[in-house]
Structure formats: C-alpha cells, structure tokens
C-alpha cells in the first residue's frame, strides 16, 4: 500500500542556502531509490525556518529501506549542524482506510 511520509524539521536561522542544498541532495538520492514516487518541500509561511518534506512511497518497506540506507544516513548527518530541535516523522497510508 502506498504511503506518505511527513518529515518535519525546524532549522536555525541564517542557513537557508545550506539547508536548501541538503534538502535537494537528499531528494535526488531518494529519487533513485526503489519505491520512491514523489516528494515536495513545504516552507512554513509564518516561520520560514520550519520545513516539512512530504514524500510518497510505494510501500512502508520501500520507505524503511530508504530511511535505513547508508546514503540517506550520510545525507541526514549534514542536517545536524543546522537543526533547531529533533526531526519528527509521520507516516500515513494513502487511499481508503486499509484496515
């Protein structure tokens, strides 16, 4: 079943270009990963340092494979110096309630 993953982060002020570059780098890596469908980046209108990345995957297994991949772990470490708090993950099933 397809899923949507929301990745929520708040970044320190003053690093917009660096943050934007890392987000692009992670997305490009995900695009080549099996099961990736699409993603979008949402910048909070009221708080431009709060960002949500919404990505769609063919299954939870595909997402977990990407989330635990060495490439993603390496890219995620690049965010650490810019983060202002913990990264939050929310996972939703797409479509009609599956249960």
C-alpha atoms as a PDB file:
ATOM      1  CA  UNK A   1       0.000   0.000   0.000  1.00  0.00           C
ATOM      2  CA  UNK A   2       1.379   3.453  -0.866  1.00  0.00           C
ATOM      3  CA  UNK A   3       2.320   5.747   1.989  1.00  0.00           C
ATOM      4  CA  UNK A   4       3.043   9.415   2.568  1.00  0.00           C
ATOM      5  CA  UNK A   5       5.856  10.346   4.948  1.00  0.00           C
ATOM      6  CA  UNK A   6       5.954  13.785   6.549  1.00  0.00           C
ATOM      7  CA  UNK A   7       9.390  14.803   7.775  1.00  0.00           C
ATOM      8  CA  UNK A   8       9.198  17.875  10.000  1.00  0.00           C
ATOM      9  CA  UNK A   9      12.213  19.957  10.944  1.00  0.00           C
ATOM     10  CA  UNK A  10      12.984  23.351  12.404  1.00  0.00           C
ATOM     11  CA  UNK A  11      16.280  24.910  11.402  1.00  0.00           C
ATOM     12  CA  UNK A  12      18.475  27.558  12.942  1.00  0.00           C
ATOM     13  CA  UNK A  13      18.273  30.957  11.314  1.00  0.00           C
ATOM     14  CA  UNK A  14      20.875  32.081   8.812  1.00  0.00           C
ATOM     15  CA  UNK A  15      21.476  28.877   6.845  1.00  0.00           C
ATOM     16  CA  UNK A  16      18.814  28.969   4.130  1.00  0.00           C
ATOM     17  CA  UNK A  17      21.146  28.179   1.217  1.00  0.00           C
ATOM     18  CA  UNK A  18      22.872  25.342   3.043  1.00  0.00           C
ATOM     19  CA  UNK A  19      19.564  23.823   4.168  1.00  0.00           C
ATOM     20  CA  UNK A  20      18.065  24.105   0.699  1.00  0.00           C
ATOM     21  CA  UNK A  21      21.117  22.406  -0.835  1.00  0.00           C
ATOM     22  CA  UNK A  22      20.985  19.469   1.599  1.00  0.00           C
ATOM     23  CA  UNK A  23      17.235  19.034   1.025  1.00  0.00           C
ATOM     24  CA  UNK A  24      17.881  18.845  -2.728  1.00  0.00           C
ATOM     25  CA  UNK A  25      20.741  16.385  -2.237  1.00  0.00           C
ATOM     26  CA  UNK A  26      18.581  14.075  -0.111  1.00  0.00           C
ATOM     27  CA  UNK A  27      15.719  14.289  -2.610  1.00  0.00           C
ATOM     28  CA  UNK A  28      17.949  13.430  -5.557  1.00  0.00           C
ATOM     29  CA  UNK A  29      19.209  10.383  -3.644  1.00  0.00           C
ATOM     30  CA  UNK A  30      15.658   9.299  -2.861  1.00  0.00           C
ATOM     31  CA  UNK A  31      14.567   9.701  -6.479  1.00  0.00           C
ATOM     32  CA  UNK A  32      16.923   6.888  -7.486  1.00  0.00           C
ATOM     33  CA  UNK A  33      15.779   4.605  -4.679  1.00  0.00           C
ATOM     34  CA  UNK A  34      13.379   1.746  -5.377  1.00  0.00           C
ATOM     35  CA  UNK A  35       9.794   2.571  -4.394  1.00  0.00           C
ATOM     36  CA  UNK A  36      10.098   6.372  -4.467  1.00  0.00           C
ATOM     37  CA  UNK A  37       7.105   8.079  -6.096  1.00  0.00           C
ATOM     38  CA  UNK A  38       7.391  11.815  -5.438  1.00  0.00           C
ATOM     39  CA  UNK A  39       8.064  14.481  -2.840  1.00  0.00           C
ATOM     40  CA  UNK A  40       7.562  18.137  -2.103  1.00  0.00           C
ATOM     41  CA  UNK A  41       9.084  20.629   0.288  1.00  0.00           C
ATOM     42  CA  UNK A  42       6.831  22.940   2.295  1.00  0.00           C
ATOM     43  CA  UNK A  43       8.270  26.051   3.949  1.00  0.00           C
ATOM     44  CA  UNK A  44       6.068  27.376   6.776  1.00  0.00           C
ATOM     45  CA  UNK A  45       4.582  30.730   5.720  1.00  0.00           C
ATOM     46  CA  UNK A  46       4.717  32.134   9.260  1.00  0.00           C
ATOM     47  CA  UNK A  47       8.013  30.542  10.291  1.00  0.00           C
ATOM     48  CA  UNK A  48      10.390  30.147   7.309  1.00  0.00           C
ATOM     49  CA  UNK A  49      12.765  28.019   9.379  1.00  0.00           C
ATOM     50  CA  UNK A  50      10.155  25.303   9.834  1.00  0.00           C
ATOM     51  CA  UNK A  51      10.130  22.867   6.909  1.00  0.00           C
ATOM     52  CA  UNK A  52       8.038  19.824   6.082  1.00  0.00           C
ATOM     53  CA  UNK A  53       9.092  17.380   3.388  1.00  0.00           C
ATOM     54  CA  UNK A  54       6.233  15.183   2.188  1.00  0.00           C
ATOM     55  CA  UNK A  55       7.306  12.110   0.250  1.00  0.00           C
ATOM     56  CA  UNK A  56       5.267   9.337  -1.322  1.00  0.00           C
ATOM     57  CA  UNK A  57       6.473   5.728  -1.393  1.00  0.00           C
ATOM     58  CA  UNK A  58       5.041   2.560  -2.920  1.00  0.00           C
ATOM     59  CA  UNK A  59       5.117   0.815   0.485  1.00  0.00           C
ATOM     60  CA  UNK A  60       6.347   1.141   4.056  1.00  0.00           C
ATOM     61  CA  UNK A  61       9.060  -1.382   3.188  1.00  0.00           C
ATOM     62  CA  UNK A  62      10.405   0.880   0.430  1.00  0.00           C
ATOM     63  CA  UNK A  63      10.436   3.846   2.826  1.00  0.00           C
ATOM     64  CA  UNK A  64      12.177   1.831   5.546  1.00  0.00           C
ATOM     65  CA  UNK A  65      14.805   0.635   3.069  1.00  0.00           C
ATOM     66  CA  UNK A  66      15.495   4.244   2.067  1.00  0.00           C
ATOM     67  CA  UNK A  67      15.368   5.563   5.635  1.00  0.00           C
ATOM     68  CA  UNK A  68      17.925   2.982   6.767  1.00  0.00           C
ATOM     69  CA  UNK A  69      20.194   3.251   3.716  1.00  0.00           C
ATOM     70  CA  UNK A  70      23.781   4.425   4.157  1.00  0.00           C
ATOM     71  CA  UNK A  71      23.252   7.206   1.585  1.00  0.00           C
ATOM     72  CA  UNK A  72      20.327   8.666   3.491  1.00  0.00           C
ATOM     73  CA  UNK A  73      22.072   8.353   6.845  1.00  0.00           C
ATOM     74  CA  UNK A  74      25.076  10.174   5.405  1.00  0.00           C
ATOM     75  CA  UNK A  75      22.897  12.942   3.967  1.00  0.00           C
ATOM     76  CA  UNK A  76      20.873  13.253   7.172  1.00  0.00           C
ATOM     77  CA  UNK A  77      24.048  13.921   9.154  1.00  0.00           C
ATOM     78  CA  UNK A  78      24.551  17.039   7.044  1.00  0.00           C
ATOM     79  CA  UNK A  79      21.361  18.488   8.578  1.00  0.00           C
ATOM     80  CA  UNK A  80      22.573  18.103  12.168  1.00  0.00           C
ATOM     81  CA  UNK A  81      24.514  21.361  12.432  1.00  0.00           C
ATOM     82  CA  UNK A  82      21.514  23.324  11.146  1.00  0.00           C
ATOM     83  CA  UNK A  83      18.739  21.686  13.191  1.00  0.00           C
ATOM     84  CA  UNK A  84      16.951  23.519  15.969  1.00  0.00           C
ATOM     85  CA  UNK A  85      15.313  20.507  17.640  1.00  0.00           C
ATOM     86  CA  UNK A  86      14.535  16.937  16.700  1.00  0.00           C
ATOM     87  CA  UNK A  87      13.340  15.677  13.337  1.00  0.00           C
ATOM     88  CA  UNK A  88       9.784  14.342  13.501  1.00  0.00           C
ATOM     89  CA  UNK A  89       8.341  11.644  11.221  1.00  0.00           C
ATOM     90  CA  UNK A  90       4.691  10.911  10.499  1.00  0.00           C
ATOM     91  CA  UNK A  91       3.613   8.087   8.209  1.00  0.00           C
ATOM     92  CA  UNK A  92       0.186   7.858   6.584  1.00  0.00           C
ATOM     93  CA  UNK A  93      -1.417   5.186   4.406  1.00  0.00           C
ATOM     94  CA  UNK A  94      -2.784   6.596   1.137  1.00  0.00           C
ATOM     95  CA  UNK A  95      -6.238   5.797  -0.120  1.00  0.00           C
ATOM     96  CA  UNK A  96      -9.237   4.224   1.527  1.00  0.00           C
ATOM     97  CA  UNK A  97      -8.777   3.175   5.145  1.00  0.00           C
ATOM     98  CA  UNK A  98      -6.937  -0.138   4.794  1.00  0.00           C
ATOM     99  CA  UNK A  99      -7.981  -1.926   7.981  1.00  0.00           C
END
